[in-house]
Amino acid sequence: GLLRDQVVVVTAAAGAGIGAAVVRRALE
């Protein structure tokens, strides 16, 4: 819950690299 209730924006995140991992981690 480190980012609970936050709106997060991530660029370059459609692949399988760091950006995509940040999106998933933020949701988790």
mmCIF file of all heavy atoms, coordinates in Angstrom:
data_MODEL
# 
_entry.id   MODEL 
# 
loop_
_atom_site.group_PDB 
_atom_site.id 
_atom_site.type_symbol 
_atom_site.label_atom_id 
_atom_site.label_alt_id 
_atom_site.label_comp_id 
_atom_site.label_asym_id 
_atom_site.label_entity_id 
_atom_site.label_seq_id 
_atom_site.pdbx_PDB_ins_code 
_atom_site.Cartn_x 
_atom_site.Cartn_y 
_atom_site.Cartn_z 
_atom_site.occupancy 
_atom_site.B_iso_or_equiv 
_atom_site.pdbx_formal_charge 
_atom_site.auth_seq_id 
_atom_site.auth_comp_id 
_atom_site.auth_asym_id 
_atom_site.auth_atom_id 
_atom_site.pdbx_PDB_model_num 
ATOM 1   N N   . GLY A 1 1  ? 0.788  -1.226 0.000   1.00 0.00 ? 1  GLY A N   1 
ATOM 2   C CA  . GLY A 1 1  ? 0.000  0.000  0.000   1.00 0.00 ? 1  GLY A CA  1 
ATOM 3   C C   . GLY A 1 1  ? 0.818  1.273  0.000   1.00 0.00 ? 1  GLY A C   1 
ATOM 4   O O   . GLY A 1 1  ? 0.337  2.312  0.467   1.00 0.00 ? 1  GLY A O   1 
ATOM 5   N N   . LEU A 1 2  ? 2.030  1.233  -0.530  1.00 0.00 ? 2  LEU A N   1 
ATOM 6   C CA  . LEU A 1 2  ? 2.909  2.407  -0.478  1.00 0.00 ? 2  LEU A CA  1 
ATOM 7   C C   . LEU A 1 2  ? 2.396  3.584  -1.306  1.00 0.00 ? 2  LEU A C   1 
ATOM 8   O O   . LEU A 1 2  ? 2.754  4.731  -1.040  1.00 0.00 ? 2  LEU A O   1 
ATOM 9   C CB  . LEU A 1 2  ? 4.315  2.036  -0.943  1.00 0.00 ? 2  LEU A CB  1 
ATOM 10  C CG  . LEU A 1 2  ? 5.070  0.974  -0.133  1.00 0.00 ? 2  LEU A CG  1 
ATOM 11  C CD1 . LEU A 1 2  ? 6.479  0.812  -0.669  1.00 0.00 ? 2  LEU A CD1 1 
ATOM 12  C CD2 . LEU A 1 2  ? 5.095  1.331  1.342   1.00 0.00 ? 2  LEU A CD2 1 
ATOM 13  N N   . LEU A 1 3  ? 1.572  3.308  -2.312  1.00 0.00 ? 3  LEU A N   1 
ATOM 14  C CA  . LEU A 1 3  ? 1.059  4.382  -3.171  1.00 0.00 ? 3  LEU A CA  1 
ATOM 15  C C   . LEU A 1 3  ? -0.466 4.468  -3.097  1.00 0.00 ? 3  LEU A C   1 
ATOM 16  O O   . LEU A 1 3  ? -1.130 4.894  -4.048  1.00 0.00 ? 3  LEU A O   1 
ATOM 17  C CB  . LEU A 1 3  ? 1.508  4.164  -4.620  1.00 0.00 ? 3  LEU A CB  1 
ATOM 18  C CG  . LEU A 1 3  ? 3.016  4.140  -4.859  1.00 0.00 ? 3  LEU A CG  1 
ATOM 19  C CD1 . LEU A 1 3  ? 3.321  3.945  -6.337  1.00 0.00 ? 3  LEU A CD1 1 
ATOM 20  C CD2 . LEU A 1 3  ? 3.681  5.411  -4.354  1.00 0.00 ? 3  LEU A CD2 1 
ATOM 21  N N   . ARG A 1 4  ? -1.009 4.119  -1.946  1.00 0.00 ? 4  ARG A N   1 
ATOM 22  C CA  . ARG A 1 4  ? -2.464 4.098  -1.778  1.00 0.00 ? 4  ARG A CA  1 
ATOM 23  C C   . ARG A 1 4  ? -3.078 5.453  -2.131  1.00 0.00 ? 4  ARG A C   1 
ATOM 24  O O   . ARG A 1 4  ? -2.620 6.497  -1.689  1.00 0.00 ? 4  ARG A O   1 
ATOM 25  C CB  . ARG A 1 4  ? -2.824 3.709  -0.343  1.00 0.00 ? 4  ARG A CB  1 
ATOM 26  C CG  . ARG A 1 4  ? -4.317 3.508  -0.123  1.00 0.00 ? 4  ARG A CG  1 
ATOM 27  C CD  . ARG A 1 4  ? -4.603 2.968  1.261   1.00 0.00 ? 4  ARG A CD  1 
ATOM 28  N NE  . ARG A 1 4  ? -4.155 1.571  1.369   1.00 0.00 ? 4  ARG A NE  1 
ATOM 29  C CZ  . ARG A 1 4  ? -3.190 1.162  2.178   1.00 0.00 ? 4  ARG A CZ  1 
ATOM 30  N NH1 . ARG A 1 4  ? -2.551 2.032  2.951   1.00 0.00 ? 4  ARG A NH1 1 
ATOM 31  N NH2 . ARG A 1 4  ? -2.867 -0.113 2.225   1.00 0.00 ? 4  ARG A NH2 1 
ATOM 32  N N   . ASP A 1 5  ? -4.114 5.409  -2.987  1.00 0.00 ? 5  ASP A N   1 
ATOM 33  C CA  . ASP A 1 5  ? -4.916 6.576  -3.372  1.00 0.00 ? 5  ASP A CA  1 
ATOM 34  C C   . ASP A 1 5  ? -4.164 7.582  -4.245  1.00 0.00 ? 5  ASP A C   1 
ATOM 35  O O   . ASP A 1 5  ? -4.650 8.699  -4.456  1.00 0.00 ? 5  ASP A O   1 
ATOM 36  C CB  . ASP A 1 5  ? -5.474 7.293  -2.130  1.00 0.00 ? 5  ASP A CB  1 
ATOM 37  C CG  . ASP A 1 5  ? -6.372 6.394  -1.302  1.00 0.00 ? 5  ASP A CG  1 
ATOM 38  O OD1 . ASP A 1 5  ? -7.058 5.541  -1.900  1.00 0.00 ? 5  ASP A OD1 1 
ATOM 39  O OD2 . ASP A 1 5  ? -6.389 6.546  -0.073  1.00 0.00 ? 5  ASP A OD2 1 
ATOM 40  N N   . GLN A 1 6  ? -3.002 7.210  -4.768  1.00 0.00 ? 6  GLN A N   1 
ATOM 41  C CA  . GLN A 1 6  ? -2.235 8.111  -5.612  1.00 0.00 ? 6  GLN A CA  1 
ATOM 42  C C   . GLN A 1 6  ? -2.586 7.903  -7.090  1.00 0.00 ? 6  GLN A C   1 
ATOM 43  O O   . GLN A 1 6  ? -2.884 6.795  -7.528  1.00 0.00 ? 6  GLN A O   1 
ATOM 44  C CB  . GLN A 1 6  ? -0.732 7.865  -5.430  1.00 0.00 ? 6  GLN A CB  1 
ATOM 45  C CG  . GLN A 1 6  ? -0.245 7.991  -3.996  1.00 0.00 ? 6  GLN A CG  1 
ATOM 46  C CD  . GLN A 1 6  ? -0.260 9.435  -3.533  1.00 0.00 ? 6  GLN A CD  1 
ATOM 47  O OE1 . GLN A 1 6  ? 0.537  10.255 -3.966  1.00 0.00 ? 6  GLN A OE1 1 
ATOM 48  N NE2 . GLN A 1 6  ? -1.170 9.747  -2.630  1.00 0.00 ? 6  GLN A NE2 1 
ATOM 49  N N   . VAL A 1 7  ? -2.543 9.001  -7.856  1.00 0.00 ? 7  VAL A N   1 
ATOM 50  C CA  . VAL A 1 7  ? -2.655 8.918  -9.312  1.00 0.00 ? 7  VAL A CA  1 
ATOM 51  C C   . VAL A 1 7  ? -1.241 8.960  -9.873  1.00 0.00 ? 7  VAL A C   1 
ATOM 52  O O   . VAL A 1 7  ? -0.504 9.932  -9.662  1.00 0.00 ? 7  VAL A O   1 
ATOM 53  C CB  . VAL A 1 7  ? -3.500 10.071 -9.887  1.00 0.00 ? 7  VAL A CB  1 
ATOM 54  C CG1 . VAL A 1 7  ? -3.491 10.029 -11.418 1.00 0.00 ? 7  VAL A CG1 1 
ATOM 55  C CG2 . VAL A 1 7  ? -4.933 9.986  -9.371  1.00 0.00 ? 7  VAL A CG2 1 
ATOM 56  N N   . VAL A 1 8  ? -0.859 7.902  -10.566 1.00 0.00 ? 8  VAL A N   1 
ATOM 57  C CA  . VAL A 1 8  ? 0.513  7.731  -11.051 1.00 0.00 ? 8  VAL A CA  1 
ATOM 58  C C   . VAL A 1 8  ? 0.522  7.803  -12.574 1.00 0.00 ? 8  VAL A C   1 
ATOM 59  O O   . VAL A 1 8  ? -0.324 7.195  -13.235 1.00 0.00 ? 8  VAL A O   1 
ATOM 60  C CB  . VAL A 1 8  ? 1.088  6.378  -10.583 1.00 0.00 ? 8  VAL A CB  1 
ATOM 61  C CG1 . VAL A 1 8  ? 2.514  6.200  -11.069 1.00 0.00 ? 8  VAL A CG1 1 
ATOM 62  C CG2 . VAL A 1 8  ? 1.010  6.261  -9.062  1.00 0.00 ? 8  VAL A CG2 1 
ATOM 63  N N   . VAL A 1 9  ? 1.482  8.529  -13.120 1.00 0.00 ? 9  VAL A N   1 
ATOM 64  C CA  . VAL A 1 9  ? 1.662  8.610  -14.572 1.00 0.00 ? 9  VAL A CA  1 
ATOM 65  C C   . VAL A 1 9  ? 3.032  8.030  -14.912 1.00 0.00 ? 9  VAL A C   1 
ATOM 66  O O   . VAL A 1 9  ? 4.027  8.370  -14.274 1.00 0.00 ? 9  VAL A O   1 
ATOM 67  C CB  . VAL A 1 9  ? 1.573  10.066 -15.065 1.00 0.00 ? 9  VAL A CB  1 
ATOM 68  C CG1 . VAL A 1 9  ? 1.794  10.138 -16.578 1.00 0.00 ? 9  VAL A CG1 1 
ATOM 69  C CG2 . VAL A 1 9  ? 0.216  10.679 -14.705 1.00 0.00 ? 9  VAL A CG2 1 
ATOM 70  N N   . VAL A 1 10 ? 3.072  7.139  -15.905 1.00 0.00 ? 10 VAL A N   1 
ATOM 71  C CA  . VAL A 1 10 ? 4.319  6.473  -16.289 1.00 0.00 ? 10 VAL A CA  1 
ATOM 72  C C   . VAL A 1 10 ? 4.485  6.552  -17.801 1.00 0.00 ? 10 VAL A C   1 
ATOM 73  O O   . VAL A 1 10 ? 3.574  6.194  -18.551 1.00 0.00 ? 10 VAL A O   1 
ATOM 74  C CB  . VAL A 1 10 ? 4.336  4.990  -15.859 1.00 0.00 ? 10 VAL A CB  1 
ATOM 75  C CG1 . VAL A 1 10 ? 5.702  4.367  -16.111 1.00 0.00 ? 10 VAL A CG1 1 
ATOM 76  C CG2 . VAL A 1 10 ? 3.931  4.824  -14.405 1.00 0.00 ? 10 VAL A CG2 1 
ATOM 77  N N   . THR A 1 11 ? 5.643  7.000  -18.266 1.00 0.00 ? 11 THR A N   1 
ATOM 78  C CA  . THR A 1 11 ? 5.914  7.034  -19.705 1.00 0.00 ? 11 THR A CA  1 
ATOM 79  C C   . THR A 1 11 ? 6.684  5.789  -20.128 1.00 0.00 ? 11 THR A C   1 
ATOM 80  O O   . THR A 1 11 ? 7.333  5.131  -19.322 1.00 0.00 ? 11 THR A O   1 
ATOM 81  C CB  . THR A 1 11 ? 6.717  8.289  -20.094 1.00 0.00 ? 11 THR A CB  1 
ATOM 82  O OG1 . THR A 1 11 ? 7.997  8.264  -19.437 1.00 0.00 ? 11 THR A OG1 1 
ATOM 83  C CG2 . THR A 1 11 ? 5.971  9.556  -19.714 1.00 0.00 ? 11 THR A CG2 1 
ATOM 84  N N   . ALA A 1 12 ? 6.599  5.467  -21.422 1.00 0.00 ? 12 ALA A N   1 
ATOM 85  C CA  . ALA A 1 12 ? 7.306  4.320  -22.021 1.00 0.00 ? 12 ALA A CA  1 
ATOM 86  C C   . ALA A 1 12 ? 7.032  3.042  -21.246 1.00 0.00 ? 12 ALA A C   1 
ATOM 87  O O   . ALA A 1 12 ? 7.932  2.406  -20.714 1.00 0.00 ? 12 ALA A O   1 
ATOM 88  C CB  . ALA A 1 12 ? 8.808  4.589  -22.106 1.00 0.00 ? 12 ALA A CB  1 
ATOM 89  N N   . ALA A 1 13 ? 5.762  2.649  -21.202 1.00 0.00 ? 13 ALA A N   1 
ATOM 90  C CA  . ALA A 1 13 ? 5.363  1.567  -20.302 1.00 0.00 ? 13 ALA A CA  1 
ATOM 91  C C   . ALA A 1 13 ? 4.543  0.477  -20.977 1.00 0.00 ? 13 ALA A C   1 
ATOM 92  O O   . ALA A 1 13 ? 3.846  -0.282 -20.291 1.00 0.00 ? 13 ALA A O   1 
ATOM 93  C CB  . ALA A 1 13 ? 4.562  2.147  -19.133 1.00 0.00 ? 13 ALA A CB  1 
ATOM 94  N N   . ALA A 1 14 ? 4.629  0.351  -22.299 1.00 0.00 ? 14 ALA A N   1 
ATOM 95  C CA  . ALA A 1 14 ? 3.800  -0.635 -22.984 1.00 0.00 ? 14 ALA A CA  1 
ATOM 96  C C   . ALA A 1 14 ? 4.516  -1.951 -23.244 1.00 0.00 ? 14 ALA A C   1 
ATOM 97  O O   . ALA A 1 14 ? 3.906  -2.901 -23.716 1.00 0.00 ? 14 ALA A O   1 
ATOM 98  C CB  . ALA A 1 14 ? 3.305  -0.069 -24.311 1.00 0.00 ? 14 ALA A CB  1 
ATOM 99  N N   . GLY A 1 15 ? 5.790  -2.021 -22.953 1.00 0.00 ? 15 GLY A N   1 
ATOM 100 C CA  . GLY A 1 15 ? 6.539  -3.234 -23.255 1.00 0.00 ? 15 GLY A CA  1 
ATOM 101 C C   . GLY A 1 15 ? 6.656  -4.166 -22.065 1.00 0.00 ? 15 GLY A C   1 
ATOM 102 O O   . GLY A 1 15 ? 5.735  -4.309 -21.260 1.00 0.00 ? 15 GLY A O   1 
ATOM 103 N N   . ALA A 1 16 ? 7.831  -4.793 -21.946 1.00 0.00 ? 16 ALA A N   1 
ATOM 104 C CA  . ALA A 1 16 ? 8.077  -5.731 -20.854 1.00 0.00 ? 16 ALA A CA  1 
ATOM 105 C C   . ALA A 1 16 ? 9.239  -5.264 -19.987 1.00 0.00 ? 16 ALA A C   1 
ATOM 106 O O   . ALA A 1 16 ? 9.808  -6.046 -19.243 1.00 0.00 ? 16 ALA A O   1 
ATOM 107 C CB  . ALA A 1 16 ? 8.387  -7.111 -21.417 1.00 0.00 ? 16 ALA A CB  1 
ATOM 108 N N   . GLY A 1 17 ? 9.574  -3.986 -20.080 1.00 0.00 ? 17 GLY A N   1 
ATOM 109 C CA  . GLY A 1 17 ? 10.728 -3.466 -19.364 1.00 0.00 ? 17 GLY A CA  1 
ATOM 110 C C   . GLY A 1 17 ? 10.377 -2.747 -18.079 1.00 0.00 ? 17 GLY A C   1 
ATOM 111 O O   . GLY A 1 17 ? 9.368  -3.034 -17.433 1.00 0.00 ? 17 GLY A O   1 
ATOM 112 N N   . ILE A 1 18 ? 11.191 -1.766 -17.726 1.00 0.00 ? 18 ILE A N   1 
ATOM 113 C CA  . ILE A 1 18 ? 11.060 -1.078 -16.449 1.00 0.00 ? 18 ILE A CA  1 
ATOM 114 C C   . ILE A 1 18 ? 9.737  -0.324 -16.348 1.00 0.00 ? 18 ILE A C   1 
ATOM 115 O O   . ILE A 1 18 ? 9.061  -0.373 -15.311 1.00 0.00 ? 18 ILE A O   1 
ATOM 116 C CB  . ILE A 1 18 ? 12.253 -0.124 -16.244 1.00 0.00 ? 18 ILE A CB  1 
ATOM 117 C CG1 . ILE A 1 18 ? 13.548 -0.925 -16.085 1.00 0.00 ? 18 ILE A CG1 1 
ATOM 118 C CG2 . ILE A 1 18 ? 12.034 0.769  -15.017 1.00 0.00 ? 18 ILE A CG2 1 
ATOM 119 C CD1 . ILE A 1 18 ? 14.811 -0.090 -16.112 1.00 0.00 ? 18 ILE A CD1 1 
ATOM 120 N N   . GLY A 1 19 ? 9.330  0.371  -17.412 1.00 0.00 ? 19 GLY A N   1 
ATOM 121 C CA  . GLY A 1 19 ? 8.088  1.132  -17.361 1.00 0.00 ? 19 GLY A CA  1 
ATOM 122 C C   . GLY A 1 19 ? 6.890  0.265  -17.056 1.00 0.00 ? 19 GLY A C   1 
ATOM 123 O O   . GLY A 1 19 ? 6.053  0.609  -16.200 1.00 0.00 ? 19 GLY A O   1 
ATOM 124 N N   . ALA A 1 20 ? 6.777  -0.865 -17.743 1.00 0.00 ? 20 ALA A N   1 
ATOM 125 C CA  . ALA A 1 20 ? 5.668  -1.785 -17.506 1.00 0.00 ? 20 ALA A CA  1 
ATOM 126 C C   . ALA A 1 20 ? 5.709  -2.327 -16.085 1.00 0.00 ? 20 ALA A C   1 
ATOM 127 O O   . ALA A 1 20 ? 4.671  -2.501 -15.432 1.00 0.00 ? 20 ALA A O   1 
ATOM 128 C CB  . ALA A 1 20 ? 5.709  -2.937 -18.513 1.00 0.00 ? 20 ALA A CB  1 
ATOM 129 N N   . ALA A 1 21 ? 6.912  -2.597 -15.589 1.00 0.00 ? 21 ALA A N   1 
ATOM 130 C CA  . ALA A 1 21 ? 7.056  -3.103 -14.219 1.00 0.00 ? 21 ALA A CA  1 
ATOM 131 C C   . ALA A 1 21 ? 6.625  -2.047 -13.203 1.00 0.00 ? 21 ALA A C   1 
ATOM 132 O O   . ALA A 1 21 ? 6.029  -2.382 -12.162 1.00 0.00 ? 21 ALA A O   1 
ATOM 133 C CB  . ALA A 1 21 ? 8.504  -3.521 -13.967 1.00 0.00 ? 21 ALA A CB  1 
ATOM 134 N N   . VAL A 1 22 ? 6.896  -0.771 -13.486 1.00 0.00 ? 22 VAL A N   1 
ATOM 135 C CA  . VAL A 1 22 ? 6.468  0.302  -12.585 1.00 0.00 ? 22 VAL A CA  1 
ATOM 136 C C   . VAL A 1 22 ? 4.946  0.395  -12.544 1.00 0.00 ? 22 VAL A C   1 
ATOM 137 O O   . VAL A 1 22 ? 4.347  0.568  -11.475 1.00 0.00 ? 22 VAL A O   1 
ATOM 138 C CB  . VAL A 1 22 ? 7.073  1.652  -13.015 1.00 0.00 ? 22 VAL A CB  1 
ATOM 139 C CG1 . VAL A 1 22 ? 6.474  2.799  -12.204 1.00 0.00 ? 22 VAL A CG1 1 
ATOM 140 C CG2 . VAL A 1 22 ? 8.585  1.639  -12.836 1.00 0.00 ? 22 VAL A CG2 1 
ATOM 141 N N   . VAL A 1 23 ? 4.292  0.276  -13.696 1.00 0.00 ? 23 VAL A N   1 
ATOM 142 C CA  . VAL A 1 23 ? 2.829  0.328  -13.740 1.00 0.00 ? 23 VAL A CA  1 
ATOM 143 C C   . VAL A 1 23 ? 2.239  -0.767 -12.862 1.00 0.00 ? 23 VAL A C   1 
ATOM 144 O O   . VAL A 1 23 ? 1.366  -0.512 -12.013 1.00 0.00 ? 23 VAL A O   1 
ATOM 145 C CB  . VAL A 1 23 ? 2.323  0.183  -15.191 1.00 0.00 ? 23 VAL A CB  1 
ATOM 146 C CG1 . VAL A 1 23 ? 0.806  0.039  -15.209 1.00 0.00 ? 23 VAL A CG1 1 
ATOM 147 C CG2 . VAL A 1 23 ? 2.748  1.380  -16.029 1.00 0.00 ? 23 VAL A CG2 1 
ATOM 148 N N   . ARG A 1 24 ? 2.706  -1.985 -13.042 1.00 0.00 ? 24 ARG A N   1 
ATOM 149 C CA  . ARG A 1 24 ? 2.186  -3.103 -12.254 1.00 0.00 ? 24 ARG A CA  1 
ATOM 150 C C   . ARG A 1 24 ? 2.481  -2.923 -10.764 1.00 0.00 ? 24 ARG A C   1 
ATOM 151 O O   . ARG A 1 24 ? 1.622  -3.147 -9.914  1.00 0.00 ? 24 ARG A O   1 
ATOM 152 C CB  . ARG A 1 24 ? 2.796  -4.413 -12.758 1.00 0.00 ? 24 ARG A CB  1 
ATOM 153 C CG  . ARG A 1 24 ? 2.446  -5.648 -11.922 1.00 0.00 ? 24 ARG A CG  1 
ATOM 154 C CD  . ARG A 1 24 ? 2.820  -6.923 -12.628 1.00 0.00 ? 24 ARG A CD  1 
ATOM 155 N NE  . ARG A 1 24 ? 1.956  -7.129 -13.788 1.00 0.00 ? 24 ARG A NE  1 
ATOM 156 C CZ  . ARG A 1 24 ? 0.755  -7.692 -13.714 1.00 0.00 ? 24 ARG A CZ  1 
ATOM 157 N NH1 . ARG A 1 24 ? 0.264  -8.093 -12.549 1.00 0.00 ? 24 ARG A NH1 1 
ATOM 158 N NH2 . ARG A 1 24 ? 0.037  -7.855 -14.808 1.00 0.00 ? 24 ARG A NH2 1 
ATOM 159 N N   . ARG A 1 25 ? 3.692  -2.510 -10.445 1.00 0.00 ? 25 ARG A N   1 
ATOM 160 C CA  . ARG A 1 25 ? 4.072  -2.324 -9.044  1.00 0.00 ? 25 ARG A CA  1 
ATOM 161 C C   . ARG A 1 25 ? 3.223  -1.233 -8.396  1.00 0.00 ? 25 ARG A C   1 
ATOM 162 O O   . ARG A 1 25 ? 2.788  -1.370 -7.243  1.00 0.00 ? 25 ARG A O   1 
ATOM 163 C CB  . ARG A 1 25 ? 5.548  -1.957 -8.967  1.00 0.00 ? 25 ARG A CB  1 
ATOM 164 C CG  . ARG A 1 25 ? 6.110  -1.769 -7.579  1.00 0.00 ? 25 ARG A CG  1 
ATOM 165 C CD  . ARG A 1 25 ? 6.582  -3.074 -6.976  1.00 0.00 ? 25 ARG A CD  1 
ATOM 166 N NE  . ARG A 1 25 ? 5.550  -3.798 -6.283  1.00 0.00 ? 25 ARG A NE  1 
ATOM 167 C CZ  . ARG A 1 25 ? 5.756  -4.910 -5.579  1.00 0.00 ? 25 ARG A CZ  1 
ATOM 168 N NH1 . ARG A 1 25 ? 6.967  -5.440 -5.495  1.00 0.00 ? 25 ARG A NH1 1 
ATOM 169 N NH2 . ARG A 1 25 ? 4.775  -5.519 -4.978  1.00 0.00 ? 25 ARG A NH2 1 
ATOM 170 N N   . ALA A 1 26 ? 2.957  -0.140 -9.130  1.00 0.00 ? 26 ALA A N   1 
ATOM 171 C CA  . ALA A 1 26 ? 2.144  0.946  -8.590  1.00 0.00 ? 26 ALA A CA  1 
ATOM 172 C C   . ALA A 1 26 ? 0.728  0.470  -8.285  1.00 0.00 ? 26 ALA A C   1 
ATOM 173 O O   . ALA A 1 26 ? 0.143  0.820  -7.248  1.00 0.00 ? 26 ALA A O   1 
ATOM 174 C CB  . ALA A 1 26 ? 2.115  2.114  -9.570  1.00 0.00 ? 26 ALA A CB  1 
ATOM 175 N N   . LEU A 1 27 ? 0.170  -0.336 -9.170  1.00 0.00 ? 27 LEU A N   1 
ATOM 176 C CA  . LEU A 1 27 ? -1.172 -0.879 -8.939  1.00 0.00 ? 27 LEU A CA  1 
ATOM 177 C C   . LEU A 1 27 ? -1.169 -1.818 -7.737  1.00 0.00 ? 27 LEU A C   1 
ATOM 178 O O   . LEU A 1 27 ? -2.086 -1.789 -6.902  1.00 0.00 ? 27 LEU A O   1 
ATOM 179 C CB  . LEU A 1 27 ? -1.664 -1.602 -10.191 1.00 0.00 ? 27 LEU A CB  1 
ATOM 180 C CG  . LEU A 1 27 ? -1.988 -0.694 -11.382 1.00 0.00 ? 27 LEU A CG  1 
ATOM 181 C CD1 . LEU A 1 27 ? -2.112 -1.511 -12.660 1.00 0.00 ? 27 LEU A CD1 1 
ATOM 182 C CD2 . LEU A 1 27 ? -3.273 0.089  -11.119 1.00 0.00 ? 27 LEU A CD2 1 
ATOM 183 N N   . GLU A 1 28 ? -0.145 -2.641 -7.636  1.00 0.00 ? 28 GLU A N   1 
ATOM 184 C CA  . GLU A 1 28 ? -0.034 -3.548 -6.489  1.00 0.00 ? 28 GLU A CA  1 
ATOM 185 C C   . GLU A 1 28 ? 0.140  -2.784 -5.185  1.00 0.00 ? 28 GLU A C   1 
ATOM 186 O O   . GLU A 1 28 ? -0.261 -3.268 -4.113  1.00 0.00 ? 28 GLU A O   1 
ATOM 187 C CB  . GLU A 1 28 ? 1.141  -4.504 -6.695  1.00 0.00 ? 28 GLU A CB  1 
ATOM 188 C CG  . GLU A 1 28 ? 0.924  -5.501 -7.817  1.00 0.00 ? 28 GLU A CG  1 
ATOM 189 C CD  . GLU A 1 28 ? 2.195  -6.268 -8.185  1.00 0.00 ? 28 GLU A CD  1 
ATOM 190 O OE1 . GLU A 1 28 ? 3.292  -5.843 -7.794  1.00 0.00 ? 28 GLU A OE1 1 
ATOM 191 O OE2 . GLU A 1 28 ? 2.071  -7.299 -8.863  1.00 0.00 ? 28 GLU A OE2 1 
# 
